[in-house]
Amino acid sequence: MKEFDAFIQPNISLLIPISKVSQDIEIFDGTSDDYRIAIDFKLKAKKRNYYVSIISSPHTKLSEELSNDYYIVLIKKDFFEKVYAMYDEAEEGIPHYENTYVEICSDILKYLNMFAFESSKSMPNSEVTIGAHTTLIGHWIIRSILGESVDMRAISSDYSVARAQHYIEQHYTEKITVELLAGLTYISSSSLSHKFKSEMGVSPIDYLLEVRLQKAQNMMRRKNVSLTDVAESCGFSSLSHFSKYFTSKMGMTPTEYIKHYV
């Protein structure tokens, strides 16, 4: 495939376009035996730090409406279905995907690039590291398809910001202040706030609220629990506070969300 730089491995392959691509080739025309995921870096996702992706099942056409900046991930049918079967939703069978839009956390780009790097080098034990990246990428994509990517936020490479992120992820049900987070890495509250906002695009407290909201979404989609229990379990001070914040961010009430998604 002269239009792509191709990094081919047994279960997953990565294609990076290097010239204008004909839509008549097997990847697009519906004759491919693989699941194909096109990750478009220019299309605007609804969620911050996410990429819009398009998935098509084997023997289904893949959308031609892509920008010039995209990767295509090819996943072997047997491997895709094996990974999918590890999740509860597999009991209902694997849906047929035809240009289905999903959003994938932007961190996947790091793993795809590492996959490409390992695939192109003759590094010692590269088959081990490529196998690890293959497993991670496969699960990351399946989780995104199933809506589990709400818990996959980009992790900062800055120590103080990452430390604050990890603490928030583990203690989101507790009272958390910027002063507490700053104390974990021995920097001032203003320094942490500035670093955090610069790296993540939101303040530490807004990030905390996002984590709580996303944990609540998971509970509402997967468990038969009351909204009061959801609010308390996810660290909101009251049901009214939870409902108000949820509605402002999601554009619908918690009750409407449950009716729509559960």
Protein backbone atom coordinates (compact mmCIF):
# COMPACT_ATOMS: atom_id res chain seq x y z
CA MET A 1 0.00 0.00 0.00
CA LYS A 2 2.10 2.86 -1.31
CA GLU A 3 -0.26 5.47 0.13
CA PHE A 4 0.60 4.47 3.71
CA ASP A 5 3.43 3.85 6.08
CA ALA A 6 2.30 0.43 7.30
CA PHE A 7 3.24 -1.16 10.61
CA ILE A 8 1.97 -4.72 10.32
CA GLN A 9 1.72 -7.10 13.27
CA PRO A 10 -0.22 -10.38 13.76
CA ASN A 11 -3.32 -8.94 15.48
CA ILE A 12 -3.16 -5.18 14.96
CA SER A 13 -1.72 -3.07 12.18
CA LEU A 14 -1.34 0.69 11.97
CA LEU A 15 -1.59 2.64 8.71
CA ILE A 16 -0.40 6.25 8.51
CA PRO A 17 -1.19 8.00 5.19
CA ILE A 18 1.73 9.62 3.40
CA SER A 19 -0.09 10.69 0.22
CA LYS A 20 -3.63 11.15 -1.07
CA VAL A 21 -5.42 7.85 -0.57
CA SER A 22 -7.69 6.21 -3.12
CA GLN A 23 -11.05 5.20 -1.67
CA ASP A 24 -11.13 2.16 -3.94
CA ILE A 25 -8.59 0.19 -1.93
CA GLU A 26 -9.58 -2.73 0.28
CA ILE A 27 -9.44 -0.76 3.53
CA PHE A 28 -12.32 1.47 2.42
CA ASP A 29 -14.29 -0.51 -0.15
CA GLY A 30 -15.90 -3.09 2.13
CA THR A 31 -13.85 -6.17 1.20
CA SER A 32 -11.52 -6.11 4.22
CA ASP A 33 -11.65 -9.02 6.68
CA ASP A 34 -10.57 -6.75 9.56
CA TYR A 35 -12.28 -4.32 11.89
CA ARG A 36 -11.08 -0.86 10.87
CA ILE A 37 -10.89 2.17 13.11
CA ALA A 38 -10.08 5.54 11.55
CA ILE A 39 -8.88 8.06 14.13
CA ASP A 40 -9.28 11.57 12.75
CA PHE A 41 -7.16 14.23 14.42
CA LYS A 42 -8.94 17.23 12.89
CA LEU A 43 -12.58 16.42 13.56
CA LYS A 44 -13.69 18.09 16.78
CA ALA A 45 -14.75 15.72 19.56
CA LYS A 46 -17.41 16.64 22.11
CA LYS A 47 -15.10 15.86 25.03
CA ARG A 48 -11.83 17.60 25.80
CA ASN A 49 -8.70 15.50 25.10
CA TYR A 50 -10.57 13.06 22.86
CA TYR A 51 -10.37 12.19 19.17
CA VAL A 52 -13.27 11.38 16.87
CA SER A 53 -12.98 7.85 15.50
CA ILE A 54 -14.98 5.85 12.99
CA ILE A 55 -15.29 2.06 13.18
CA SER A 56 -16.51 -0.38 10.56
CA SER A 57 -16.95 -4.15 10.83
CA PRO A 58 -15.36 -6.59 8.37
CA HIS A 59 -16.84 -6.44 4.86
CA THR A 60 -18.36 -3.02 5.54
CA LYS A 61 -17.30 0.19 3.81
CA LEU A 62 -15.29 2.70 5.81
CA SER A 63 -16.22 6.38 5.60
CA GLU A 64 -14.50 8.46 2.93
CA GLU A 65 -15.18 11.65 4.91
CA LEU A 66 -11.82 11.89 6.64
CA SER A 67 -9.49 14.85 6.95
CA ASN A 68 -5.90 14.64 5.75
CA ASP A 69 -4.71 13.86 9.30
CA TYR A 70 -5.74 10.41 10.46
CA TYR A 71 -4.50 6.97 11.42
CA ILE A 72 -6.21 3.71 10.54
CA VAL A 73 -6.01 0.79 12.96
CA LEU A 74 -6.72 -2.65 11.52
CA ILE A 75 -7.74 -5.28 14.07
CA LYS A 76 -8.00 -8.94 13.13
CA LYS A 77 -11.54 -10.24 13.52
CA ASP A 78 -10.62 -13.08 15.91
CA PHE A 79 -8.56 -10.78 18.15
CA PHE A 80 -11.24 -8.06 18.22
CA GLU A 81 -13.93 -10.56 19.16
CA LYS A 82 -11.72 -12.23 21.78
CA VAL A 83 -11.10 -8.91 23.52
CA TYR A 84 -14.75 -7.86 23.19
CA ALA A 85 -15.83 -11.15 24.82
CA MET A 86 -14.04 -10.14 28.03
CA TYR A 87 -16.64 -7.45 28.69
CA ASP A 88 -20.16 -7.85 30.09
CA GLU A 89 -21.78 -6.37 27.01
CA ALA A 90 -20.53 -9.35 24.99
CA GLU A 91 -23.51 -11.36 26.25
CA GLU A 92 -25.67 -9.34 23.87
CA GLY A 93 -23.42 -10.16 20.92
CA ILE A 94 -21.06 -7.95 18.96
CA PRO A 95 -22.89 -5.20 17.05
CA HIS A 96 -22.37 -4.64 13.36
CA TYR A 97 -20.47 -1.39 12.93
CA GLU A 98 -20.94 0.70 9.84
CA ASN A 99 -19.09 4.01 10.16
CA THR A 100 -20.00 4.15 13.83
CA TYR A 101 -18.65 7.24 15.58
CA VAL A 102 -16.86 6.82 18.91
CA GLU A 103 -14.57 9.11 20.87
CA ILE A 104 -11.20 7.82 22.07
CA CYS A 105 -8.98 9.50 24.67
CA SER A 106 -6.08 11.31 23.05
CA ASP A 107 -3.57 9.26 25.06
CA ILE A 108 -4.07 6.44 22.55
CA LEU A 109 -1.86 8.40 20.15
CA LYS A 110 1.12 7.82 22.46
CA TYR A 111 0.58 4.07 22.37
CA LEU A 112 0.02 3.96 18.62
CA ASN A 113 3.23 5.90 18.07
CA MET A 114 5.14 3.57 20.41
CA PHE A 115 3.61 0.62 18.54
CA ALA A 116 4.89 2.11 15.26
CA PHE A 117 8.32 2.77 16.74
CA GLU A 118 8.70 -0.76 18.09
CA SER A 119 7.42 -2.23 14.82
CA SER A 120 9.99 -0.35 12.76
CA LYS A 121 13.03 -1.11 14.92
CA SER A 122 14.91 -4.36 15.50
CA MET A 123 14.97 -3.91 19.25
CA PRO A 124 15.73 -6.76 21.68
CA ASN A 125 12.50 -8.48 22.81
CA SER A 126 10.42 -6.22 20.58
CA GLU A 127 7.88 -9.01 20.11
CA VAL A 128 7.15 -8.76 23.84
CA THR A 129 6.67 -5.00 23.85
CA ILE A 130 4.66 -5.07 20.62
CA GLY A 131 2.43 -7.74 22.14
CA ALA A 132 1.88 -5.55 25.19
CA HIS A 133 1.02 -2.52 23.04
CA THR A 134 -1.31 -4.68 20.93
CA THR A 135 -3.23 -5.80 24.01
CA LEU A 136 -3.45 -2.28 25.41
CA ILE A 137 -4.60 -0.73 22.13
CA GLY A 138 -7.18 -3.47 21.62
CA HIS A 139 -8.71 -2.98 25.06
CA TRP A 140 -8.55 0.82 24.78
CA ILE A 141 -10.54 0.75 21.56
CA ILE A 142 -13.10 -1.77 22.86
CA ARG A 143 -13.62 0.23 26.04
CA SER A 144 -14.15 3.36 23.98
CA ILE A 145 -16.72 1.59 21.81
CA LEU A 146 -18.54 0.40 24.94
CA GLY A 147 -18.54 3.84 26.51
CA GLU A 148 -15.97 2.99 29.18
CA SER A 149 -13.49 5.59 27.95
CA VAL A 150 -15.08 8.10 30.32
CA ASP A 151 -12.47 6.94 32.86
CA MET A 152 -9.54 7.36 30.49
CA ARG A 153 -8.27 10.89 30.83
CA ALA A 154 -4.97 12.13 29.49
CA ILE A 155 -2.24 11.85 32.13
CA SER A 156 0.26 14.69 32.41
CA SER A 157 3.99 14.11 32.08
CA ASP A 158 4.58 16.83 34.70
CA TYR A 159 5.15 15.21 38.12
CA SER A 160 3.16 17.66 40.23
CA VAL A 161 0.18 17.66 37.86
CA ALA A 162 0.22 13.87 37.48
CA ARG A 163 0.48 13.46 41.27
CA ALA A 164 -2.58 15.65 41.71
CA GLN A 165 -4.43 13.68 39.03
CA HIS A 166 -3.64 10.35 40.67
CA TYR A 167 -4.78 11.63 44.06
CA ILE A 168 -8.04 12.94 42.63
CA GLU A 169 -8.70 9.63 40.85
CA GLN A 170 -8.21 7.70 44.10
CA HIS A 171 -9.91 10.10 46.53
CA TYR A 172 -12.66 11.75 44.47
CA THR A 173 -15.28 10.84 47.10
CA GLU A 174 -13.47 12.93 49.72
CA LYS A 175 -13.15 16.66 50.27
CA ILE A 176 -10.25 17.86 48.13
CA THR A 177 -8.78 21.34 47.98
CA VAL A 178 -6.06 22.88 45.84
CA GLU A 179 -4.05 23.42 49.02
CA LEU A 180 -4.17 19.71 49.81
CA LEU A 181 -3.08 18.77 46.27
CA ALA A 182 -0.25 21.32 46.29
CA GLY A 183 1.00 19.92 49.58
CA LEU A 184 1.49 16.51 47.99
CA THR A 185 4.30 17.86 45.82
CA TYR A 186 5.50 20.71 48.03
CA ILE A 187 4.67 23.54 45.67
CA SER A 188 2.40 26.53 46.18
CA SER A 189 -1.30 26.38 45.43
CA SER A 190 -0.96 29.08 42.79
CA SER A 191 1.89 27.21 41.06
CA LEU A 192 -0.09 23.98 40.96
CA SER A 193 -3.21 25.75 39.69
CA HIS A 194 -1.22 27.43 36.92
CA LYS A 195 0.55 24.20 35.90
CA PHE A 196 -2.63 22.15 36.06
CA LYS A 197 -4.68 24.59 33.98
CA SER A 198 -1.86 24.89 31.44
CA GLU A 199 -1.49 21.10 31.09
CA MET A 200 -5.08 19.91 31.39
CA GLY A 201 -7.13 22.90 30.24
CA VAL A 202 -9.14 23.02 33.46
CA SER A 203 -8.50 23.87 37.10
CA PRO A 204 -7.83 21.08 39.65
CA ILE A 205 -11.31 21.50 41.13
CA ASP A 206 -13.00 21.44 37.73
CA TYR A 207 -11.03 18.28 36.98
CA LEU A 208 -12.26 16.78 40.26
CA LEU A 209 -15.85 17.56 39.29
CA GLU A 210 -15.29 15.96 35.88
CA VAL A 211 -14.01 12.80 37.55
CA ARG A 212 -17.03 12.70 39.87
CA LEU A 213 -19.38 13.26 36.94
CA GLN A 214 -17.83 10.47 34.92
CA LYS A 215 -17.87 8.06 37.86
CA ALA A 216 -21.55 8.90 38.26
CA GLN A 217 -22.21 8.17 34.58
CA ASN A 218 -20.62 4.75 35.00
CA MET A 219 -22.77 3.97 38.03
CA MET A 220 -25.93 5.10 36.29
CA ARG A 221 -25.22 3.04 33.18
CA ARG A 222 -24.14 -0.16 34.90
CA LYS A 223 -25.99 -0.35 38.20
CA ASN A 224 -29.56 -0.11 39.40
CA VAL A 225 -28.95 2.48 42.11
CA SER A 226 -30.81 5.54 43.32
CA LEU A 227 -29.63 8.98 42.30
CA THR A 228 -29.09 9.81 45.97
CA ASP A 229 -26.67 6.89 46.26
CA VAL A 230 -24.93 7.97 43.05
CA ALA A 231 -24.46 11.50 44.36
CA GLU A 232 -23.12 10.33 47.72
CA SER A 233 -20.88 7.62 46.25
CA CYS A 234 -19.29 10.04 43.80
CA GLY A 235 -18.47 12.79 46.29
CA PHE A 236 -21.20 15.33 45.59
CA SER A 237 -22.38 17.21 48.66
CA SER A 238 -26.07 16.64 47.91
CA LEU A 239 -28.46 15.27 45.31
CA SER A 240 -29.42 18.81 44.28
CA HIS A 241 -25.76 19.75 43.76
CA PHE A 242 -25.23 16.61 41.69
CA SER A 243 -28.36 17.18 39.60
CA LYS A 244 -27.53 20.82 38.94
CA TYR A 245 -23.93 20.06 37.89
CA PHE A 246 -24.94 17.02 35.82
CA THR A 247 -27.59 18.98 33.92
CA SER A 248 -25.24 21.90 33.24
CA LYS A 249 -22.60 19.59 31.75
CA MET A 250 -24.72 16.97 30.01
CA GLY A 251 -27.62 19.06 28.75
CA MET A 252 -30.12 16.70 30.37
CA THR A 253 -31.16 15.72 33.88
CA PRO A 254 -29.84 12.54 35.53
CA THR A 255 -33.27 10.96 35.14
CA GLU A 256 -33.34 11.77 31.42
CA TYR A 257 -29.83 10.35 31.06
CA ILE A 258 -30.88 7.05 32.62
CA LYS A 259 -33.91 6.80 30.34
CA HIS A 260 -31.74 7.49 27.29
CA TYR A 261 -28.74 5.28 28.03
CA VAL A 262 -29.86 2.54 30.41
